[in-house]
Protein backbone atom coordinates (compact mmCIF):
# COMPACT_ATOMS: atom_id res chain seq x y z
CA MET A 1 176.56 39.13 294.85
CA GLY A 2 178.37 38.31 291.64
CA LYS A 3 181.42 39.14 289.91
CA ASN A 4 182.53 42.60 289.36
CA LYS A 5 183.88 44.03 286.41
CA VAL A 6 184.92 47.28 285.36
CA ILE A 7 184.49 49.87 282.47
CA LYS A 8 186.67 52.93 281.90
CA VAL A 9 184.64 55.71 281.38
CA GLN A 10 186.97 58.51 280.06
CA ASN A 11 190.32 57.30 282.26
CA ILE A 12 187.83 56.58 284.73
CA ASP A 13 187.43 52.62 286.35
CA ILE A 14 184.03 51.98 286.97
CA THR A 15 183.13 48.81 288.35
CA ILE A 16 179.22 46.88 287.61
CA SER A 17 178.86 44.03 289.78
CA GLN A 18 175.89 41.59 289.41
CA ILE A 19 173.98 41.79 292.72
CA ASN A 20 170.39 39.97 292.54
CA ASP A 21 170.93 39.27 288.96
CA SER A 22 170.72 43.08 287.90
CA ASP A 23 173.77 45.36 287.32
CA TYR A 24 174.46 47.49 289.53
CA ILE A 25 177.09 50.60 288.90
CA CYS A 26 179.59 51.93 291.37
CA LEU A 27 179.01 55.34 292.08
CA THR A 28 181.77 55.82 294.24
CA ASP A 29 183.82 55.22 290.89
CA LEU A 30 181.58 57.48 289.13
CA ALA A 31 182.46 60.84 291.62
CA LYS A 32 185.91 60.15 291.51
CA GLY A 33 187.41 63.33 291.76
CA LYS A 34 184.01 65.33 292.03
CA GLU A 35 183.94 65.43 296.21
CA GLY A 36 183.29 61.51 296.04
CA GLU A 37 180.38 60.60 298.55
CA ASP A 38 179.57 64.32 299.54
CA HIS A 39 178.85 64.30 295.98
CA ILE A 40 176.55 61.28 296.53
CA ARG A 41 174.72 62.98 299.04
CA ASN A 42 174.35 66.25 297.12
CA TRP A 43 172.77 64.57 294.67
CA MET A 44 170.05 62.39 297.10
CA ARG A 45 169.10 65.50 298.97
CA ASN A 46 168.09 66.76 295.34
CA ARG A 47 164.29 66.90 295.95
CA ASN A 48 164.11 65.29 292.40
CA THR A 49 166.47 62.45 293.41
CA VAL A 50 164.43 61.54 295.79
CA GLU A 51 161.67 61.21 293.57
CA PHE A 52 162.91 59.79 291.00
CA ILE A 53 164.89 56.81 292.95
CA GLY A 54 161.15 56.66 295.44
CA LEU A 55 159.27 55.80 291.52
CA TRP A 56 162.36 53.49 290.72
CA GLU A 57 161.68 51.53 294.25
CA GLN A 58 157.78 51.65 293.79
CA MET A 59 158.29 49.60 290.51
CA ASN A 60 160.46 47.47 291.05
CA ASN A 61 160.26 46.34 294.98
CA PRO A 62 157.30 45.11 296.90
CA ASN A 63 158.38 45.84 299.94
CA PHE A 64 159.40 49.26 299.32
CA LYS A 65 158.27 51.51 302.74
CA GLY A 66 156.01 54.20 301.04
CA VAL A 67 155.20 56.21 303.48
CA GLU A 68 158.57 56.78 304.86
CA PHE A 69 159.52 57.93 301.17
CA ASP A 70 156.58 60.27 301.52
CA THR A 71 157.91 61.99 304.42
CA PHE A 72 161.46 61.98 302.90
CA LYS A 73 159.91 63.49 299.79
CA LYS A 74 158.01 66.35 301.62
CA GLN A 75 161.66 67.36 303.76
CA SER A 76 163.92 66.92 300.13
CA GLY A 77 164.73 70.42 299.58
CA LEU A 78 164.65 72.10 302.84
CA ASN A 79 167.80 73.45 303.57
CA ALA A 80 168.29 71.46 307.11
CA PHE A 81 167.33 67.99 304.46
CA ASN A 82 169.92 65.46 304.28
CA MET A 83 169.97 62.25 302.70
CA THR A 84 173.14 59.49 302.63
CA PRO A 85 172.71 55.77 301.19
CA LYS A 86 172.30 54.34 304.70
CA LYS A 87 169.40 56.30 305.64
CA TRP A 88 167.49 56.08 302.26
CA VAL A 89 167.86 52.30 302.60
CA GLU A 90 167.52 51.47 306.14
CA GLY A 91 164.29 54.14 306.58
CA THR A 92 162.05 53.21 303.22
CA ASN A 93 163.83 49.55 302.70
CA ALA A 94 165.16 50.51 299.65
CA ILE A 95 166.91 48.30 296.91
CA GLY A 96 167.64 50.54 294.24
CA VAL A 97 171.26 51.35 295.79
CA VAL A 98 173.36 49.01 298.42
CA SER A 99 176.68 49.69 300.29
CA LYS A 100 179.51 47.49 299.67
CA SER A 101 182.86 46.69 301.75
CA GLY A 102 185.91 45.34 300.79
CA ARG A 103 188.73 45.70 297.50
CA TYR A 104 185.30 47.04 295.63
CA GLY A 105 183.99 48.50 298.42
CA GLY A 106 181.21 51.79 297.82
CA THR A 107 178.31 53.40 297.25
CA TYR A 108 176.52 50.75 294.50
CA ALA A 109 173.06 52.07 292.64
CA HIS A 110 171.31 49.92 289.75
CA LYS A 111 172.08 50.77 286.30
CA ASP A 112 168.89 52.82 286.39
CA ILE A 113 169.66 54.81 288.97
CA ALA A 114 173.68 55.15 287.95
CA PHE A 115 172.59 56.15 284.79
CA GLU A 116 170.40 59.29 286.44
CA PHE A 117 173.62 59.96 288.84
CA ALA A 118 175.91 60.35 286.27
CA SER A 119 173.30 62.51 284.12
CA TRP A 120 173.67 64.65 286.96
CA LEU A 121 177.32 64.64 287.03
CA SER A 122 177.97 65.46 283.33
CA PRO A 123 175.00 64.61 280.53
CA LEU A 124 178.82 64.08 278.38
CA PHE A 125 179.96 61.38 281.01
CA LYS A 126 176.27 59.36 281.33
CA LEU A 127 176.93 58.80 277.56
CA TYR A 128 179.91 57.65 277.72
CA LEU A 129 179.39 55.66 280.58
CA ILE A 130 175.90 54.07 278.74
CA LYS A 131 178.07 53.75 275.10
CA GLU A 132 181.19 51.33 278.09
CA PHE A 133 177.85 49.71 279.24
CA GLN A 134 176.75 48.43 276.14
CA ARG A 135 180.11 47.68 274.71
CA LEU A 136 180.10 45.29 277.68
CA LYS A 137 176.45 43.54 277.69
CA GLU A 138 177.66 43.32 273.67
CA VAL A 139 181.16 41.33 274.70
CA GLU A 140 178.58 38.89 277.56
CA THR A 141 176.48 38.29 274.26
CA ASN A 142 179.26 37.05 272.69
CA GLU A 143 180.82 34.79 275.37
CA TYR A 144 177.39 33.14 276.11
CA ASN A 145 177.06 33.10 272.28
CA LEU A 146 180.43 31.06 271.63
CA GLU A 147 179.26 28.81 275.04
CA TRP A 148 175.89 27.76 273.37
CA ASP A 149 177.62 26.85 270.80
CA ILE A 150 180.28 24.93 272.25
CA THR A 151 177.16 22.80 274.48
CA ARG A 152 175.17 22.37 271.47
CA VAL A 153 178.12 20.60 269.50
CA LEU A 154 178.65 18.24 272.67
CA THR A 155 175.17 17.75 272.52
CA LYS A 156 175.10 16.81 269.08
CA ILE A 157 178.33 13.87 269.60
CA ASN A 158 176.03 12.63 272.45
CA TYR A 159 173.54 12.27 269.77
CA THR A 160 175.80 9.48 268.00
CA GLU A 161 176.05 7.40 270.86
CA HIS A 162 172.42 7.65 271.86
CA THR A 163 171.52 6.38 268.10
CA ASP A 164 174.04 3.70 268.11
CA ALA A 165 172.85 2.36 271.33
CA ILE A 166 169.08 2.07 269.28
CA LYS A 167 170.65 0.45 266.28
CA ASP A 168 172.52 -1.91 268.38
CA VAL A 169 169.86 -2.84 270.68
CA ILE A 170 166.24 -1.40 269.61
CA ILE A 171 166.25 -1.93 266.19
CA PRO A 172 167.06 -5.78 266.19
CA GLU A 173 163.98 -6.24 268.27
CA SER A 174 162.22 -3.30 266.97
CA THR A 175 158.13 -4.52 265.72
CA PHE A 176 158.69 -1.51 262.33
CA SER A 177 159.23 -3.11 259.48
CA ALA A 178 162.74 -1.81 257.91
CA ASP A 179 161.18 1.66 256.05
CA LYS A 180 159.79 2.47 259.56
CA GLN A 181 162.46 1.38 261.72
CA TRP A 182 163.18 5.62 261.95
CA LEU A 183 160.25 5.20 264.13
CA GLU A 184 162.09 3.97 266.36
CA TYR A 185 165.19 6.96 266.85
CA ALA A 186 162.07 9.26 267.02
CA GLU A 187 160.82 7.95 269.26
CA GLU A 188 163.56 7.63 271.25
CA ALA A 189 164.19 11.28 270.59
CA ASP A 190 160.70 12.20 271.37
CA LEU A 191 161.41 10.28 275.44
CA LEU A 192 164.33 13.32 275.82
CA ASN A 193 162.39 15.57 274.62
CA VAL A 194 159.22 15.34 276.62
CA ALA A 195 161.15 13.98 279.65
CA LEU A 196 163.39 17.57 279.52
CA PHE A 197 161.12 20.03 277.58
CA GLY A 198 157.43 19.10 278.04
CA TYR A 199 156.62 18.02 274.63
CA THR A 200 157.57 16.22 271.49
CA ALA A 201 159.10 17.57 268.75
CA SER A 202 155.96 17.87 266.20
CA GLN A 203 153.79 19.73 269.14
CA TRP A 204 156.77 22.56 268.93
CA LYS A 205 156.56 22.18 265.49
CA GLN A 206 153.04 22.93 265.51
CA HIS A 207 153.85 26.04 267.63
CA ASN A 208 156.32 27.19 265.33
CA PRO A 209 155.60 26.85 261.85
CA THR A 210 157.73 29.23 260.33
CA LEU A 211 160.79 28.38 262.69
CA ALA A 212 159.84 24.06 261.20
CA LEU A 213 159.85 25.92 257.59
CA LYS A 214 163.32 26.74 258.74
CA ASN A 215 164.41 23.38 259.22
CA LYS A 216 164.83 24.21 263.09
CA ASN A 217 163.67 22.26 266.00
CA ALA A 218 163.52 22.63 270.05
CA ARG A 219 167.10 22.13 270.74
CA ASP A 220 168.16 24.60 268.34
CA TYR A 221 166.59 27.06 270.57
CA ALA A 222 167.12 25.78 273.61
CA SER A 223 169.05 27.24 276.61
CA ILE A 224 172.70 26.64 278.14
CA ASN A 225 171.12 24.82 280.96
CA GLU A 226 168.69 22.83 279.11
CA LEU A 227 171.50 21.49 276.42
CA ILE A 228 173.75 20.90 279.47
CA VAL A 229 170.97 18.45 281.05
CA LEU A 230 169.86 17.17 277.29
CA SER A 231 173.61 15.64 276.42
CA ARG A 232 173.40 14.12 279.99
CA LEU A 233 170.35 12.28 279.11
CA GLU A 234 171.34 11.20 275.99
CA THR A 235 174.43 9.11 277.93
CA MET A 236 172.16 8.17 280.44
CA ASN A 237 169.44 6.73 277.94
CA SER A 238 171.93 4.69 276.21
CA ILE A 239 173.03 3.34 278.94
CA LEU A 240 169.47 2.40 279.86
CA ILE A 241 168.74 1.15 276.53
CA ARG A 242 172.25 -1.23 276.34
CA GLN A 243 170.54 -2.32 280.36
CA LYS A 244 167.84 -3.16 278.40
CA TYR A 245 165.40 -1.29 280.88
CA ASP A 246 161.72 -0.77 279.77
CA ARG A 247 160.72 2.85 277.54
CA THR A 248 158.50 3.70 280.38
CA VAL A 249 160.73 3.31 283.49
CA ARG A 250 163.41 5.04 281.16
CA PHE A 251 161.46 8.28 280.70
CA ASN A 252 160.69 8.30 284.22
CA TYR A 253 163.33 8.45 285.02
CA LEU A 254 165.38 10.73 282.91
CA LYS A 255 162.15 12.98 283.68
CA LYS A 256 162.84 13.12 287.45
CA VAL A 257 166.76 13.25 286.65
CA ALA A 258 165.68 16.66 283.96
CA SER A 259 163.65 18.60 286.68
CA GLU A 260 166.95 18.11 289.38
CA GLN A 261 169.31 18.95 287.10
CA LEU A 262 167.81 22.01 285.83
CA GLY A 263 167.30 23.10 289.18
CA LYS A 264 170.59 22.31 290.22
CA LEU A 265 172.20 24.51 287.89
CA LYS A 266 169.35 27.98 287.65
CA LYS A 267 170.69 28.28 291.25
CA ILE A 268 174.52 27.99 289.82
CA ASP A 269 173.35 30.96 286.85
CA LEU A 270 170.72 31.76 286.63
CA THR A 271 170.98 33.18 283.15
CA LYS A 272 172.46 29.99 281.43
CA SER A 273 168.30 28.63 281.88
CA ILE A 274 167.57 32.53 279.49
CA LYS A 275 165.93 30.52 276.16
CA ARG A 276 167.86 31.55 272.63
CA LEU A 277 166.01 32.93 269.56
CA ASN A 278 168.26 33.85 267.74
CA LYS A 279 171.92 34.68 267.69
CA SER A 280 172.19 37.70 269.74
CA THR A 281 168.43 37.27 271.23
CA TYR A 282 167.56 36.04 274.35
CA ILE A 283 164.39 35.38 276.10
CA ASP A 284 163.47 34.33 279.72
CA ALA A 285 161.88 30.72 279.35
CA LYS A 286 158.72 32.24 281.02
CA GLU A 287 158.12 34.26 278.66
CA GLU A 288 157.89 31.77 275.58
CA LYS A 289 154.36 31.38 275.81
CA ASN A 290 154.03 35.43 275.40
CA ASN A 291 155.63 34.86 271.80
CA LYS A 292 153.66 31.75 271.43
CA SER A 293 156.50 29.33 271.50
CA ILE A 294 155.61 26.34 273.44
């Protein structure tokens, strides 16, 4: 479970927690002043609620127990039927509703389910909740943009260190004529591109002609994690160049480092492995091919 954040909705503090990389909203907070946990149980015994949270689980939880769900659905609506978060989770192996203990303890639900609960409490309250939740997401996006921009600047700083090493060591021994020596810089840049991204600058441009016309490149649309690793690769390659290691040896080493570092960073913060499309839009790396970007 990740860090908790709090938003205020109609003077009520609502806790939002990151669970399995998704936003879960505290139902206990939503029900403050409205019978608390009893209100949650009353909502969960409602037939429409059982159907809704069951359908949500079927769409999002491959381990959801459908047979048990059908049993609960048949029983819902009867006077004797009773449902609690614990009974629902233990009976169906649900993931949309969870219980937490400690300072921020209570019953939490995935935002999709939490919005449904808020609507049951009060349509107006739901609208205010959505508004504040969206405001929180905008703030998080701005923080993400700032970190991306800072990381991009650091990468450009290390780029100078990288080009200096090329100028001092590779250029003096280059077989290219003076007017073609820029190719040495391009080849070293592509060595890093292929080691990190898996493609050259020209290959990226071929797959992104519209962006290429705007003088954009792969690094302008890299994730924060990729930029962090790129910065490290530039420093490493500068050192290896000055130590006069063969280009093939350097490439194999840097490719291995890139793979290991990206894996470690992804475990630390999955969000920062998301690709940047523009100032406010990001995309999971797996979805890139669907958008015809390498």
